[in-house]
N, C-alpha and C. Protein backbone atom coordinates (compact mmCIF):
# COMPACT_ATOMS: atom_id res chain seq x y z
N MET A 1 105.00 114.91 122.97
CA MET A 1 105.54 114.66 121.66
C MET A 1 104.40 114.31 120.71
N VAL A 2 104.40 114.88 119.54
CA VAL A 2 103.36 114.66 118.55
C VAL A 2 103.69 113.44 117.71
N GLU A 3 102.75 112.52 117.60
CA GLU A 3 102.92 111.31 116.79
C GLU A 3 102.63 111.66 115.33
N ARG A 4 103.62 111.47 114.45
CA ARG A 4 103.45 111.82 113.04
C ARG A 4 103.32 110.59 112.14
N ARG A 5 103.38 109.41 112.69
CA ARG A 5 103.28 108.19 111.88
C ARG A 5 101.85 108.02 111.38
N THR A 6 101.74 107.48 110.16
CA THR A 6 100.42 107.27 109.58
C THR A 6 99.80 105.95 110.05
N ALA A 7 100.63 105.03 110.54
CA ALA A 7 100.14 103.73 111.03
C ALA A 7 100.93 103.36 112.27
N PRO A 8 100.29 102.75 113.27
CA PRO A 8 101.03 102.36 114.48
C PRO A 8 102.07 101.28 114.18
N ARG A 9 103.23 101.41 114.81
CA ARG A 9 104.29 100.42 114.63
C ARG A 9 104.25 99.42 115.77
N HIS A 10 104.65 98.19 115.45
CA HIS A 10 104.67 97.12 116.42
C HIS A 10 106.11 96.66 116.62
N ARG A 11 106.50 96.49 117.88
CA ARG A 11 107.86 96.02 118.18
C ARG A 11 108.09 94.66 117.55
N THR A 12 109.29 94.48 117.04
CA THR A 12 109.67 93.21 116.43
C THR A 12 111.18 93.04 116.57
N PHE A 13 111.66 91.89 116.26
CA PHE A 13 113.10 91.62 116.29
C PHE A 13 113.38 90.63 115.17
N LYS A 14 113.40 91.16 113.93
CA LYS A 14 113.59 90.33 112.74
C LYS A 14 114.89 90.72 112.05
N GLY A 15 115.49 89.76 111.40
CA GLY A 15 116.67 90.04 110.60
C GLY A 15 116.27 90.73 109.32
N GLY A 16 117.19 91.48 108.78
CA GLY A 16 116.92 92.17 107.53
C GLY A 16 118.20 92.44 106.77
N SER A 17 118.04 92.83 105.53
CA SER A 17 119.16 93.17 104.68
C SER A 17 118.78 94.37 103.83
N ILE A 18 119.66 95.38 103.81
CA ILE A 18 119.47 96.58 103.00
C ILE A 18 120.21 96.37 101.70
N SER A 19 119.50 96.51 100.59
CA SER A 19 120.08 96.25 99.28
C SER A 19 119.90 97.48 98.39
N PHE A 20 120.99 97.88 97.71
CA PHE A 20 120.91 98.99 96.76
C PHE A 20 121.94 98.78 95.67
N ALA A 21 121.77 99.47 94.56
CA ALA A 21 122.60 99.29 93.36
C ALA A 21 124.09 99.39 93.66
N GLY A 22 124.84 98.45 93.16
CA GLY A 22 126.29 98.49 93.28
C GLY A 22 126.83 98.03 94.61
N ALA A 23 125.99 97.51 95.49
CA ALA A 23 126.49 97.08 96.80
C ALA A 23 125.80 95.79 97.22
N GLY A 24 126.51 94.99 97.97
CA GLY A 24 125.91 93.80 98.55
C GLY A 24 124.99 94.22 99.68
N GLY A 25 124.38 93.26 100.33
CA GLY A 25 123.46 93.55 101.40
C GLY A 25 124.15 94.05 102.66
N ILE A 26 123.56 95.03 103.30
CA ILE A 26 123.99 95.52 104.61
C ILE A 26 123.03 94.91 105.61
N GLU A 27 123.54 94.14 106.54
CA GLU A 27 122.70 93.48 107.53
C GLU A 27 122.11 94.50 108.50
N CYS A 28 120.88 94.24 108.94
CA CYS A 28 120.21 95.12 109.89
C CYS A 28 119.24 94.29 110.73
N VAL A 29 118.69 94.93 111.75
CA VAL A 29 117.66 94.32 112.58
C VAL A 29 116.43 95.22 112.48
N VAL A 30 115.29 94.64 112.17
CA VAL A 30 114.03 95.39 112.11
C VAL A 30 113.51 95.45 113.55
N ARG A 31 113.54 96.65 114.13
CA ARG A 31 113.16 96.83 115.54
C ARG A 31 111.68 97.11 115.73
N ASN A 32 111.06 97.81 114.79
CA ASN A 32 109.61 97.96 114.80
C ASN A 32 109.12 98.10 113.38
N LEU A 33 107.84 97.78 113.17
CA LEU A 33 107.33 97.61 111.81
C LEU A 33 105.86 97.99 111.77
N SER A 34 105.45 98.63 110.67
CA SER A 34 104.04 98.91 110.41
C SER A 34 103.79 98.74 108.93
N ALA A 35 102.58 98.95 108.51
CA ALA A 35 102.25 98.87 107.09
C ALA A 35 102.91 100.02 106.32
N ALA A 36 103.25 101.11 107.02
CA ALA A 36 103.79 102.29 106.36
C ALA A 36 105.31 102.43 106.45
N GLY A 37 105.97 101.77 107.42
CA GLY A 37 107.40 101.96 107.58
C GLY A 37 107.99 101.11 108.67
N ALA A 38 109.27 101.41 109.01
CA ALA A 38 109.98 100.60 110.00
C ALA A 38 111.13 101.39 110.61
N CYS A 39 111.61 100.88 111.72
CA CYS A 39 112.84 101.36 112.34
C CYS A 39 113.85 100.24 112.24
N LEU A 40 115.03 100.55 111.70
CA LEU A 40 116.07 99.55 111.48
C LEU A 40 117.29 99.87 112.32
N GLU A 41 117.86 98.86 112.92
CA GLU A 41 119.11 99.01 113.65
C GLU A 41 120.25 98.58 112.72
N VAL A 42 121.24 99.45 112.57
CA VAL A 42 122.37 99.18 111.67
C VAL A 42 123.67 99.45 112.41
N ALA A 43 124.76 98.87 111.91
CA ALA A 43 126.07 99.13 112.51
C ALA A 43 126.44 100.60 112.36
N SER A 44 126.13 101.19 111.20
CA SER A 44 126.37 102.60 110.94
C SER A 44 125.44 103.05 109.82
N PRO A 45 124.82 104.21 109.95
CA PRO A 45 123.95 104.70 108.88
C PRO A 45 124.72 105.34 107.73
N ILE A 46 126.02 105.52 107.90
CA ILE A 46 126.84 106.17 106.88
C ILE A 46 126.89 105.30 105.63
N GLY A 47 126.62 105.91 104.49
CA GLY A 47 126.68 105.20 103.22
C GLY A 47 125.37 104.57 102.79
N ILE A 48 124.36 104.61 103.63
CA ILE A 48 123.05 104.07 103.25
C ILE A 48 122.32 105.17 102.48
N PRO A 49 121.91 104.89 101.24
CA PRO A 49 121.27 105.92 100.42
C PRO A 49 119.85 106.24 100.87
N ASP A 50 119.28 107.28 100.28
CA ASP A 50 117.92 107.70 100.62
C ASP A 50 116.86 106.73 100.13
N GLU A 51 117.15 105.93 99.11
CA GLU A 51 116.21 104.94 98.57
C GLU A 51 116.92 103.59 98.49
N PHE A 52 116.26 102.53 98.95
CA PHE A 52 116.84 101.19 98.90
C PHE A 52 115.76 100.14 99.08
N ASP A 53 116.12 98.87 98.87
CA ASP A 53 115.22 97.75 99.11
C ASP A 53 115.58 97.12 100.45
N LEU A 54 114.56 96.77 101.22
CA LEU A 54 114.73 96.08 102.49
C LEU A 54 114.17 94.68 102.34
N ILE A 55 114.97 93.68 102.65
CA ILE A 55 114.51 92.30 102.66
C ILE A 55 114.33 91.91 104.13
N ILE A 56 113.10 91.56 104.51
CA ILE A 56 112.78 91.20 105.89
C ILE A 56 112.72 89.69 106.00
N ARG A 57 113.53 89.13 106.92
CA ARG A 57 113.53 87.69 107.15
C ARG A 57 112.74 87.37 108.42
N PRO A 58 112.19 86.22 108.54
CA PRO A 58 112.41 85.01 107.75
C PRO A 58 111.48 84.90 106.53
N GLU A 59 110.58 85.88 106.35
CA GLU A 59 109.62 85.80 105.25
C GLU A 59 110.24 86.11 103.89
N TYR A 60 111.40 86.77 103.89
CA TYR A 60 112.06 87.27 102.67
C TYR A 60 111.12 88.19 101.90
N GLN A 61 110.44 89.04 102.66
CA GLN A 61 109.55 90.04 102.10
C GLN A 61 110.40 91.23 101.66
N ARG A 62 110.26 91.66 100.41
CA ARG A 62 111.03 92.79 99.88
C ARG A 62 110.14 94.03 99.86
N ARG A 63 110.67 95.13 100.45
CA ARG A 63 109.94 96.40 100.48
C ARG A 63 110.86 97.51 99.99
N ARG A 64 110.37 98.37 99.14
CA ARG A 64 111.11 99.55 98.70
C ARG A 64 110.97 100.60 99.79
N CYS A 65 112.09 101.22 100.18
CA CYS A 65 112.12 102.15 101.31
C CYS A 65 112.66 103.52 100.93
N HIS A 66 112.16 104.52 101.61
CA HIS A 66 112.69 105.88 101.55
C HIS A 66 113.15 106.24 102.96
N LEU A 67 114.38 106.68 103.09
CA LEU A 67 114.95 107.04 104.39
C LEU A 67 114.30 108.32 104.90
N VAL A 68 113.84 108.31 106.15
CA VAL A 68 113.18 109.47 106.74
C VAL A 68 114.09 110.14 107.77
N TRP A 69 114.78 109.35 108.60
CA TRP A 69 115.69 109.91 109.60
C TRP A 69 116.84 108.95 109.88
N ARG A 70 117.94 109.50 110.42
CA ARG A 70 119.13 108.72 110.79
C ARG A 70 119.56 109.14 112.19
N LYS A 71 120.00 108.16 112.97
CA LYS A 71 120.62 108.41 114.27
C LYS A 71 121.86 107.53 114.35
N ALA A 72 122.49 107.47 115.49
CA ALA A 72 123.77 106.77 115.65
C ALA A 72 123.76 105.35 115.06
N GLN A 73 122.82 104.52 115.45
CA GLN A 73 122.78 103.15 114.94
C GLN A 73 121.37 102.74 114.51
N ARG A 74 120.53 103.72 114.24
CA ARG A 74 119.16 103.42 113.81
C ARG A 74 118.76 104.35 112.67
N ILE A 75 117.89 103.83 111.81
CA ILE A 75 117.32 104.65 110.75
C ILE A 75 115.81 104.37 110.70
N GLY A 76 115.07 105.40 110.32
CA GLY A 76 113.64 105.27 110.14
C GLY A 76 113.32 105.32 108.65
N VAL A 77 112.48 104.41 108.19
CA VAL A 77 112.14 104.37 106.77
C VAL A 77 110.63 104.37 106.57
N ARG A 78 110.23 104.89 105.41
CA ARG A 78 108.85 104.85 104.96
C ARG A 78 108.81 103.93 103.76
N PHE A 79 107.84 103.04 103.69
CA PHE A 79 107.71 102.16 102.53
C PHE A 79 107.11 102.94 101.37
N VAL A 80 107.68 102.73 100.20
CA VAL A 80 107.24 103.42 98.98
C VAL A 80 106.26 102.56 98.23
């Protein structure tokens, strides 16, 4: 399998919240993280837009995200 990530990701288990216009936060778990993007575990990827803000806890770090891929309960994002 060819690695296409621009930066290596590190496993993590942090709380997060997906925020976008007109909706409250959708809770998620940040499963891995790099300077360029992350993998998020969600209850369902349905209804999550292509662009959103991710708040990573406990630091409450806000990152603008672009959705790269979706699977059953995980999504991959690139930081904008």
